[in-house]
Amino acid sequence: MDKIGLIHSIADAAINIDFGRKGFATRVQGFPKDAFHIACISHKTRIQNILRTPGVDSIEKSLLKQRFANLPMAQISYIKKQKKALTG
């Protein structure tokens, strides 16, 4: 999955989480921790758990490692957009 697909996938998960939960007290880089950040954290944990599972073939491991490496970039891009939206 490319970076754009990953961002869309996480954004969709964030929207679904927002429908179920509202108001998070934790802050990330000065902004409220919203569903997008929670989805990223959950996705990162799932990837790590799958990578620890014995029997995962090398192609799938390679793809999961790439997705894991792309998550910080997705979060940085989202934070930039969030700052821009909140500051005008």
PDB file of N, CA and C in Angstrom:
ATOM      1  N   MET A   1       0.857  -1.173   0.000  1.00  0.00           N
ATOM      2  CA  MET A   1       0.000   0.000   0.000  1.00  0.00           C
ATOM      3  C   MET A   1       0.904   1.236   0.000  1.00  0.00           C
ATOM      4  N   ASP A   2       0.586   2.192  -0.831  1.00  0.00           N
ATOM      5  CA  ASP A   2       1.388   3.411  -0.869  1.00  0.00           C
ATOM      6  C   ASP A   2       1.002   4.342   0.271  1.00  0.00           C
ATOM      7  N   LYS A   3       1.780   5.436   0.413  1.00  0.00           N
ATOM      8  CA  LYS A   3       1.541   6.352   1.537  1.00  0.00           C
ATOM      9  C   LYS A   3       0.137   6.941   1.488  1.00  0.00           C
ATOM     10  N   ILE A   4      -0.340   7.278   0.289  1.00  0.00           N
ATOM     11  CA  ILE A   4      -1.675   7.870   0.166  1.00  0.00           C
ATOM     12  C   ILE A   4      -2.731   6.873   0.638  1.00  0.00           C
ATOM     13  N   GLY A   5      -2.611   5.621   0.203  1.00  0.00           N
ATOM     14  CA  GLY A   5      -3.569   4.597   0.620  1.00  0.00           C
ATOM     15  C   GLY A   5      -3.557   4.390   2.116  1.00  0.00           C
ATOM     16  N   LEU A   6      -2.371   4.422   2.709  1.00  0.00           N
ATOM     17  CA  LEU A   6      -2.247   4.255   4.162  1.00  0.00           C
ATOM     18  C   LEU A   6      -2.948   5.399   4.882  1.00  0.00           C
ATOM     19  N   ILE A   7      -2.741   6.621   4.408  1.00  0.00           N
ATOM     20  CA  ILE A   7      -3.376   7.783   5.039  1.00  0.00           C
ATOM     21  C   ILE A   7      -4.890   7.684   4.935  1.00  0.00           C
ATOM     22  N   HIS A   8      -5.400   7.278   3.770  1.00  0.00           N
ATOM     23  CA  HIS A   8      -6.850   7.134   3.615  1.00  0.00           C
ATOM     24  C   HIS A   8      -7.395   6.039   4.524  1.00  0.00           C
ATOM     25  N   SER A   9      -6.659   4.932   4.634  1.00  0.00           N
ATOM     26  CA  SER A   9      -7.088   3.834   5.485  1.00  0.00           C
ATOM     27  C   SER A   9      -7.168   4.272   6.942  1.00  0.00           C
ATOM     28  N   ILE A  10      -6.149   4.991   7.397  1.00  0.00           N
ATOM     29  CA  ILE A  10      -6.135   5.458   8.781  1.00  0.00           C
ATOM     30  C   ILE A  10      -7.206   6.525   8.988  1.00  0.00           C
ATOM     31  N   ALA A  11      -7.396   7.388   7.993  1.00  0.00           N
ATOM     32  CA  ALA A  11      -8.425   8.423   8.113  1.00  0.00           C
ATOM     33  C   ALA A  11      -9.806   7.796   8.236  1.00  0.00           C
ATOM     34  N   ASP A  12     -10.078   6.758   7.444  1.00  0.00           N
ATOM     35  CA  ASP A  12     -11.369   6.064   7.543  1.00  0.00           C
ATOM     36  C   ASP A  12     -11.557   5.463   8.935  1.00  0.00           C
ATOM     37  N   ALA A  13     -10.501   4.854   9.467  1.00  0.00           N
ATOM     38  CA  ALA A  13     -10.579   4.283  10.816  1.00  0.00           C
ATOM     39  C   ALA A  13     -10.843   5.378  11.839  1.00  0.00           C
ATOM     40  N   ALA A  14     -10.202   6.528  11.651  1.00  0.00           N
ATOM     41  CA  ALA A  14     -10.389   7.644  12.574  1.00  0.00           C
ATOM     42  C   ALA A  14     -11.829   8.126  12.577  1.00  0.00           C
ATOM     43  N   ILE A  15     -12.421   8.216  11.403  1.00  0.00           N
ATOM     44  CA  ILE A  15     -13.819   8.647  11.305  1.00  0.00           C
ATOM     45  C   ILE A  15     -14.726   7.661  12.034  1.00  0.00           C
ATOM     46  N   ASN A  16     -14.477   6.371  11.834  1.00  0.00           N
ATOM     47  CA  ASN A  16     -15.284   5.357  12.519  1.00  0.00           C
ATOM     48  C   ASN A  16     -15.142   5.441  14.033  1.00  0.00           C
ATOM     49  N   ILE A  17     -13.939   5.696  14.510  1.00  0.00           N
ATOM     50  CA  ILE A  17     -13.719   5.837  15.951  1.00  0.00           C
ATOM     51  C   ILE A  17     -14.429   7.077  16.470  1.00  0.00           C
ATOM     52  N   ASP A  18     -14.387   8.177  15.707  1.00  0.00           N
ATOM     53  CA  ASP A  18     -15.047   9.410  16.128  1.00  0.00           C
ATOM     54  C   ASP A  18     -16.548   9.217  16.317  1.00  0.00           C
ATOM     55  N   PHE A  19     -17.155   8.361  15.506  1.00  0.00           N
ATOM     56  CA  PHE A  19     -18.580   8.122  15.661  1.00  0.00           C
ATOM     57  C   PHE A  19     -18.890   7.449  16.994  1.00  0.00           C
ATOM     58  N   GLY A  20     -17.920   6.690  17.520  1.00  0.00           N
ATOM     59  CA  GLY A  20     -18.148   5.965  18.766  1.00  0.00           C
ATOM     60  C   GLY A  20     -17.668   6.668  20.012  1.00  0.00           C
ATOM     61  N   ARG A  21     -16.664   7.570  19.883  1.00  0.00           N
ATOM     62  CA  ARG A  21     -16.072   8.229  21.057  1.00  0.00           C
ATOM     63  C   ARG A  21     -15.913   9.719  20.791  1.00  0.00           C
ATOM     64  N   LYS A  22     -16.014  10.483  21.829  1.00  0.00           N
ATOM     65  CA  LYS A  22     -15.822  11.937  21.712  1.00  0.00           C
ATOM     66  C   LYS A  22     -14.997  12.431  22.884  1.00  0.00           C
ATOM     67  N   GLY A  23     -14.189  13.464  22.647  1.00  0.00           N
ATOM     68  CA  GLY A  23     -13.472  14.158  23.697  1.00  0.00           C
ATOM     69  C   GLY A  23     -12.336  13.387  24.326  1.00  0.00           C
ATOM     70  N   PHE A  24     -11.129  13.657  23.908  1.00  0.00           N
ATOM     71  CA  PHE A  24      -9.956  13.025  24.475  1.00  0.00           C
ATOM     72  C   PHE A  24      -9.139  14.071  25.212  1.00  0.00           C
ATOM     73  N   ALA A  25      -8.735  13.757  26.439  1.00  0.00           N
ATOM     74  CA  ALA A  25      -8.011  14.719  27.268  1.00  0.00           C
ATOM     75  C   ALA A  25      -6.526  14.787  26.932  1.00  0.00           C
ATOM     76  N   THR A  26      -5.982  13.731  26.356  1.00  0.00           N
ATOM     77  CA  THR A  26      -4.555  13.686  26.057  1.00  0.00           C
ATOM     78  C   THR A  26      -4.232  14.615  24.898  1.00  0.00           C
ATOM     79  N   ARG A  27      -3.019  15.181  24.929  1.00  0.00           N
ATOM     80  CA  ARG A  27      -2.617  16.091  23.873  1.00  0.00           C
ATOM     81  C   ARG A  27      -1.377  15.559  23.179  1.00  0.00           C
ATOM     82  N   VAL A  28      -1.277  15.816  21.867  1.00  0.00           N
ATOM     83  CA  VAL A  28      -0.119  15.442  21.064  1.00  0.00           C
ATOM     84  C   VAL A  28       0.418  16.703  20.413  1.00  0.00           C
ATOM     85  N   GLN A  29       1.639  17.046  20.689  1.00  0.00           N
ATOM     86  CA  GLN A  29       2.279  18.241  20.154  1.00  0.00           C
ATOM     87  C   GLN A  29       1.378  19.472  20.317  1.00  0.00           C
ATOM     88  N   GLY A  30       0.739  19.600  21.462  1.00  0.00           N
ATOM     89  CA  GLY A  30      -0.070  20.769  21.763  1.00  0.00           C
ATOM     90  C   GLY A  30      -1.505  20.694  21.280  1.00  0.00           C
ATOM     91  N   PHE A  31      -1.865  19.622  20.578  1.00  0.00           N
ATOM     92  CA  PHE A  31      -3.221  19.489  20.063  1.00  0.00           C
ATOM     93  C   PHE A  31      -3.893  18.287  20.716  1.00  0.00           C
ATOM     94  N   PRO A  32      -5.228  18.299  20.804  1.00  0.00           N
ATOM     95  CA  PRO A  32      -5.923  17.159  21.409  1.00  0.00           C
ATOM     96  C   PRO A  32      -5.626  15.870  20.646  1.00  0.00           C
ATOM     97  N   LYS A  33      -5.504  14.791  21.360  1.00  0.00           N
ATOM     98  CA  LYS A  33      -5.291  13.488  20.730  1.00  0.00           C
ATOM     99  C   LYS A  33      -6.642  13.026  20.206  1.00  0.00           C
ATOM    100  N   ASP A  34      -6.791  13.036  18.902  1.00  0.00           N
ATOM    101  CA  ASP A  34      -8.075  12.691  18.312  1.00  0.00           C
ATOM    102  C   ASP A  34      -8.077  11.261  17.796  1.00  0.00           C
ATOM    103  N   ALA A  35      -9.143  10.909  17.117  1.00  0.00           N
ATOM    104  CA  ALA A  35      -9.310   9.539  16.644  1.00  0.00           C
ATOM    105  C   ALA A  35      -8.210   9.129  15.671  1.00  0.00           C
ATOM    106  N   PHE A  36      -7.697  10.074  14.895  1.00  0.00           N
ATOM    107  CA  PHE A  36      -6.629   9.742  13.949  1.00  0.00           C
ATOM    108  C   PHE A  36      -5.400   9.229  14.692  1.00  0.00           C
ATOM    109  N   HIS A  37      -5.013   9.916  15.754  1.00  0.00           N
ATOM    110  CA  HIS A  37      -3.842   9.478  16.520  1.00  0.00           C
ATOM    111  C   HIS A  37      -4.100   8.130  17.177  1.00  0.00           C
ATOM    112  N   ILE A  38      -5.292   7.944  17.674  1.00  0.00           N
ATOM    113  CA  ILE A  38      -5.632   6.671  18.312  1.00  0.00           C
ATOM    114  C   ILE A  38      -5.599   5.541  17.288  1.00  0.00           C
ATOM    115  N   ALA A  39      -6.109   5.813  16.083  1.00  0.00           N
ATOM    116  CA  ALA A  39      -6.078   4.801  15.023  1.00  0.00           C
ATOM    117  C   ALA A  39      -4.640   4.459  14.639  1.00  0.00           C
ATOM    118  N   CYS A  40      -3.773   5.460  14.577  1.00  0.00           N
ATOM    119  CA  CYS A  40      -2.358   5.219  14.255  1.00  0.00           C
ATOM    120  C   CYS A  40      -1.694   4.351  15.312  1.00  0.00           C
ATOM    121  N   ILE A  41      -1.954   4.653  16.558  1.00  0.00           N
ATOM    122  CA  ILE A  41      -1.368   3.879  17.652  1.00  0.00           C
ATOM    123  C   ILE A  41      -1.855   2.425  17.590  1.00  0.00           C
ATOM    124  N   SER A  42      -3.144   2.245  17.362  1.00  0.00           N
ATOM    125  CA  SER A  42      -3.708   0.893  17.281  1.00  0.00           C
ATOM    126  C   SER A  42      -3.135   0.131  16.097  1.00  0.00           C
ATOM    127  N   HIS A  43      -3.037   0.814  14.956  1.00  0.00           N
ATOM    128  CA  HIS A  43      -2.508   0.179  13.752  1.00  0.00           C
ATOM    129  C   HIS A  43      -1.045  -0.232  13.962  1.00  0.00           C
ATOM    130  N   LYS A  44      -0.284   0.643  14.599  1.00  0.00           N
ATOM    131  CA  LYS A  44       1.127   0.347  14.879  1.00  0.00           C
ATOM    132  C   LYS A  44       1.247  -0.895  15.762  1.00  0.00           C
ATOM    133  N   THR A  45       0.416  -0.986  16.782  1.00  0.00           N
ATOM    134  CA  THR A  45       0.431  -2.136  17.678  1.00  0.00           C
ATOM    135  C   THR A  45       0.064  -3.417  16.935  1.00  0.00           C
ATOM    136  N   ARG A  46      -0.967  -3.341  16.081  1.00  0.00           N
ATOM    137  CA  ARG A  46      -1.369  -4.522  15.309  1.00  0.00           C
ATOM    138  C   ARG A  46      -0.233  -5.002  14.414  1.00  0.00           C
ATOM    139  N   ILE A  47       0.431  -4.055  13.737  1.00  0.00           N
ATOM    140  CA  ILE A  47       1.543  -4.428  12.858  1.00  0.00           C
ATOM    141  C   ILE A  47       2.656  -5.099  13.658  1.00  0.00           C
ATOM    142  N   GLN A  48       3.002  -4.519  14.803  1.00  0.00           N
ATOM    143  CA  GLN A  48       4.057  -5.108  15.635  1.00  0.00           C
ATOM    144  C   GLN A  48       3.683  -6.521  16.074  1.00  0.00           C
ATOM    145  N   ASN A  49       2.431  -6.723  16.441  1.00  0.00           N
ATOM    146  CA  ASN A  49       1.983  -8.053  16.871  1.00  0.00           C
ATOM    147  C   ASN A  49       2.053  -9.061  15.723  1.00  0.00           C
ATOM    148  N   ILE A  50       1.656  -8.643  14.534  1.00  0.00           N
ATOM    149  CA  ILE A  50       1.708  -9.540  13.373  1.00  0.00           C
ATOM    150  C   ILE A  50       3.158  -9.894  13.048  1.00  0.00           C
ATOM    151  N   LEU A  51       4.059  -8.896  13.134  1.00  0.00           N
ATOM    152  CA  LEU A  51       5.473  -9.155  12.833  1.00  0.00           C
ATOM    153  C   LEU A  51       6.097 -10.141  13.823  1.00  0.00           C
ATOM    154  N   ARG A  52       5.582 -10.194  15.041  1.00  0.00           N
ATOM    155  CA  ARG A  52       6.097 -11.129  16.049  1.00  0.00           C
ATOM    156  C   ARG A  52       5.553 -12.545  15.870  1.00  0.00           C
ATOM    157  N   THR A  53       4.503 -12.668  15.074  1.00  0.00           N
ATOM    158  CA  THR A  53       3.863 -13.958  14.883  1.00  0.00           C
ATOM    159  C   THR A  53       4.755 -14.876  14.052  1.00  0.00           C
ATOM    160  N   PRO A  54       5.000 -16.086  14.540  1.00  0.00           N
ATOM    161  CA  PRO A  54       5.811 -17.014  13.746  1.00  0.00           C
ATOM    162  C   PRO A  54       5.052 -17.459  12.499  1.00  0.00           C
ATOM    163  N   GLY A  55       5.806 -17.691  11.439  1.00  0.00           N
ATOM    164  CA  GLY A  55       5.197 -18.212  10.215  1.00  0.00           C
ATOM    165  C   GLY A  55       4.769 -17.151   9.218  1.00  0.00           C
ATOM    166  N   VAL A  56       4.997 -15.885   9.495  1.00  0.00           N
ATOM    167  CA  VAL A  56       4.648 -14.826   8.542  1.00  0.00           C
ATOM    168  C   VAL A  56       5.688 -14.860   7.426  1.00  0.00           C
ATOM    169  N   ASP A  57       5.227 -14.958   6.166  1.00  0.00           N
ATOM    170  CA  ASP A  57       6.194 -15.077   5.070  1.00  0.00           C
ATOM    171  C   ASP A  57       6.944 -13.769   4.842  1.00  0.00           C
ATOM    172  N   SER A  58       8.044 -13.868   4.144  1.00  0.00           N
ATOM    173  CA  SER A  58       8.950 -12.720   3.990  1.00  0.00           C
ATOM    174  C   SER A  58       8.325 -11.572   3.200  1.00  0.00           C
ATOM    175  N   ILE A  59       7.474 -11.864   2.234  1.00  0.00           N
ATOM    176  CA  ILE A  59       6.828 -10.800   1.454  1.00  0.00           C
ATOM    177  C   ILE A  59       5.881 -10.003   2.337  1.00  0.00           C
ATOM    178  N   GLU A  60       5.069 -10.704   3.140  1.00  0.00           N
ATOM    179  CA  GLU A  60       4.146 -10.016   4.046  1.00  0.00           C
ATOM    180  C   GLU A  60       4.919  -9.225   5.095  1.00  0.00           C
ATOM    181  N   LYS A  61       6.008  -9.801   5.615  1.00  0.00           N
ATOM    182  CA  LYS A  61       6.830  -9.087   6.598  1.00  0.00           C
ATOM    183  C   LYS A  61       7.387  -7.802   6.007  1.00  0.00           C
ATOM    184  N   SER A  62       7.853  -7.885   4.780  1.00  0.00           N
ATOM    185  CA  SER A  62       8.408  -6.710   4.107  1.00  0.00           C
ATOM    186  C   SER A  62       7.349  -5.612   3.965  1.00  0.00           C
ATOM    187  N   LEU A  63       6.142  -6.008   3.558  1.00  0.00           N
ATOM    188  CA  LEU A  63       5.047  -5.049   3.412  1.00  0.00           C
ATOM    189  C   LEU A  63       4.676  -4.426   4.754  1.00  0.00           C
ATOM    190  N   LEU A  64       4.602  -5.247   5.792  1.00  0.00           N
ATOM    191  CA  LEU A  64       4.247  -4.729   7.114  1.00  0.00           C
ATOM    192  C   LEU A  64       5.316  -3.783   7.652  1.00  0.00           C
ATOM    193  N   LYS A  65       6.578  -4.114   7.412  1.00  0.00           N
ATOM    194  CA  LYS A  65       7.655  -3.221   7.843  1.00  0.00           C
ATOM    195  C   LYS A  65       7.578  -1.885   7.119  1.00  0.00           C
ATOM    196  N   GLN A  66       7.213  -1.911   5.837  1.00  0.00           N
ATOM    197  CA  GLN A  66       7.060  -0.673   5.077  1.00  0.00           C
ATOM    198  C   GLN A  66       5.905   0.156   5.633  1.00  0.00           C
ATOM    199  N   ARG A  67       4.792  -0.484   5.926  1.00  0.00           N
ATOM    200  CA  ARG A  67       3.651   0.229   6.508  1.00  0.00           C
ATOM    201  C   ARG A  67       4.013   0.829   7.867  1.00  0.00           C
ATOM    202  N   PHE A  68       4.722   0.047   8.671  1.00  0.00           N
ATOM    203  CA  PHE A  68       5.138   0.518   9.987  1.00  0.00           C
ATOM    204  C   PHE A  68       6.040   1.750   9.855  1.00  0.00           C
ATOM    205  N   ALA A  69       6.946   1.723   8.884  1.00  0.00           N
ATOM    206  CA  ALA A  69       7.855   2.847   8.656  1.00  0.00           C
ATOM    207  C   ALA A  69       7.119   4.081   8.137  1.00  0.00           C
ATOM    208  N   ASN A  70       6.011   3.888   7.422  1.00  0.00           N
ATOM    209  CA  ASN A  70       5.259   5.015   6.858  1.00  0.00           C
ATOM    210  C   ASN A  70       4.332   5.696   7.860  1.00  0.00           C
ATOM    211  N   LEU A  71       4.010   5.028   8.950  1.00  0.00           N
ATOM    212  CA  LEU A  71       3.074   5.608   9.931  1.00  0.00           C
ATOM    213  C   LEU A  71       3.524   6.956  10.488  1.00  0.00           C
ATOM    214  N   PRO A  72       4.789   7.126  10.875  1.00  0.00           N
ATOM    215  CA  PRO A  72       5.196   8.443  11.383  1.00  0.00           C
ATOM    216  C   PRO A  72       4.992   9.563  10.349  1.00  0.00           C
ATOM    217  N   MET A  73       5.223   9.269   9.074  1.00  0.00           N
ATOM    218  CA  MET A  73       5.019  10.280   8.032  1.00  0.00           C
ATOM    219  C   MET A  73       3.529  10.643   7.918  1.00  0.00           C
ATOM    220  N   ALA A  74       2.679   9.650   8.030  1.00  0.00           N
ATOM    221  CA  ALA A  74       1.239   9.916   7.994  1.00  0.00           C
ATOM    222  C   ALA A  74       0.835  10.806   9.169  1.00  0.00           C
ATOM    223  N   GLN A  75       1.378  10.534  10.344  1.00  0.00           N
ATOM    224  CA  GLN A  75       1.064  11.335  11.520  1.00  0.00           C
ATOM    225  C   GLN A  75       1.591  12.762  11.375  1.00  0.00           C
ATOM    226  N   ILE A  76       2.794  12.914  10.858  1.00  0.00           N
ATOM    227  CA  ILE A  76       3.372  14.257  10.662  1.00  0.00           C
ATOM    228  C   ILE A  76       2.530  15.056   9.681  1.00  0.00           C
ATOM    229  N   SER A  77       2.128  14.421   8.575  1.00  0.00           N
ATOM    230  CA  SER A  77       1.293  15.106   7.580  1.00  0.00           C
ATOM    231  C   SER A  77      -0.032  15.542   8.191  1.00  0.00           C
ATOM    232  N   TYR A  78      -0.618  14.654   8.991  1.00  0.00           N
ATOM    233  CA  TYR A  78      -1.892  14.982   9.621  1.00  0.00           C
ATOM    234  C   TYR A  78      -1.743  16.142  10.606  1.00  0.00           C
ATOM    235  N   ILE A  79      -0.669  16.129  11.403  1.00  0.00           N
ATOM    236  CA  ILE A  79      -0.443  17.206  12.375  1.00  0.00           C
ATOM    237  C   ILE A  79      -0.293  18.544  11.667  1.00  0.00           C
ATOM    238  N   LYS A  80       0.424  18.552  10.540  1.00  0.00           N
ATOM    239  CA  LYS A  80       0.573  19.791   9.773  1.00  0.00           C
ATOM    240  C   LYS A  80      -0.778  20.307   9.290  1.00  0.00           C
ATOM    241  N   LYS A  81      -1.616  19.407   8.782  1.00  0.00           N
ATOM    242  CA  LYS A  81      -2.943  19.805   8.317  1.00  0.00           C
ATOM    243  C   LYS A  81      -3.814  20.274   9.478  1.00  0.00           C
ATOM    244  N   GLN A  82      -3.683  19.617  10.625  1.00  0.00           N
ATOM    245  CA  GLN A  82      -4.459  20.000  11.804  1.00  0.00           C
ATOM    246  C   GLN A  82      -4.046  21.394  12.278  1.00  0.00           C
ATOM    247  N   LYS A  83      -2.729  21.657  12.322  1.00  0.00           N
ATOM    248  CA  LYS A  83      -2.251  22.985  12.730  1.00  0.00           C
ATOM    249  C   LYS A  83      -2.768  24.055  11.791  1.00  0.00           C
ATOM    250  N   LYS A  84      -2.696  23.780  10.490  1.00  0.00           N
ATOM    251  CA  LYS A  84      -3.150  24.746   9.485  1.00  0.00           C
ATOM    252  C   LYS A  84      -4.640  25.037   9.642  1.00  0.00           C
ATOM    253  N   ALA A  85      -5.415  24.000   9.890  1.00  0.00           N
ATOM    254  CA  ALA A  85      -6.857  24.179  10.046  1.00  0.00           C
ATOM    255  C   ALA A  85      -7.199  24.959  11.312  1.00  0.00           C
ATOM    256  N   LEU A  86      -6.441  24.722  12.384  1.00  0.00           N
ATOM    257  CA  LEU A  86      -6.755  25.371  13.651  1.00  0.00           C
ATOM    258  C   LEU A  86      -6.193  26.792  13.771  1.00  0.00           C
ATOM    259  N   THR A  87      -5.143  27.084  13.003  1.00  0.00           N
ATOM    260  CA  THR A  87      -4.551  28.412  13.094  1.00  0.00           C
ATOM    261  C   THR A  87      -4.943  29.350  11.950  1.00  0.00           C
ATOM    262  N   GLY A  88      -5.640  28.814  10.990  1.00  0.00           N
ATOM    263  CA  GLY A  88      -6.156  29.675   9.935  1.00  0.00           C
ATOM    264  C   GLY A  88      -5.387  29.584   8.716  1.00  0.00           C
TER     265      GLY A  88
END
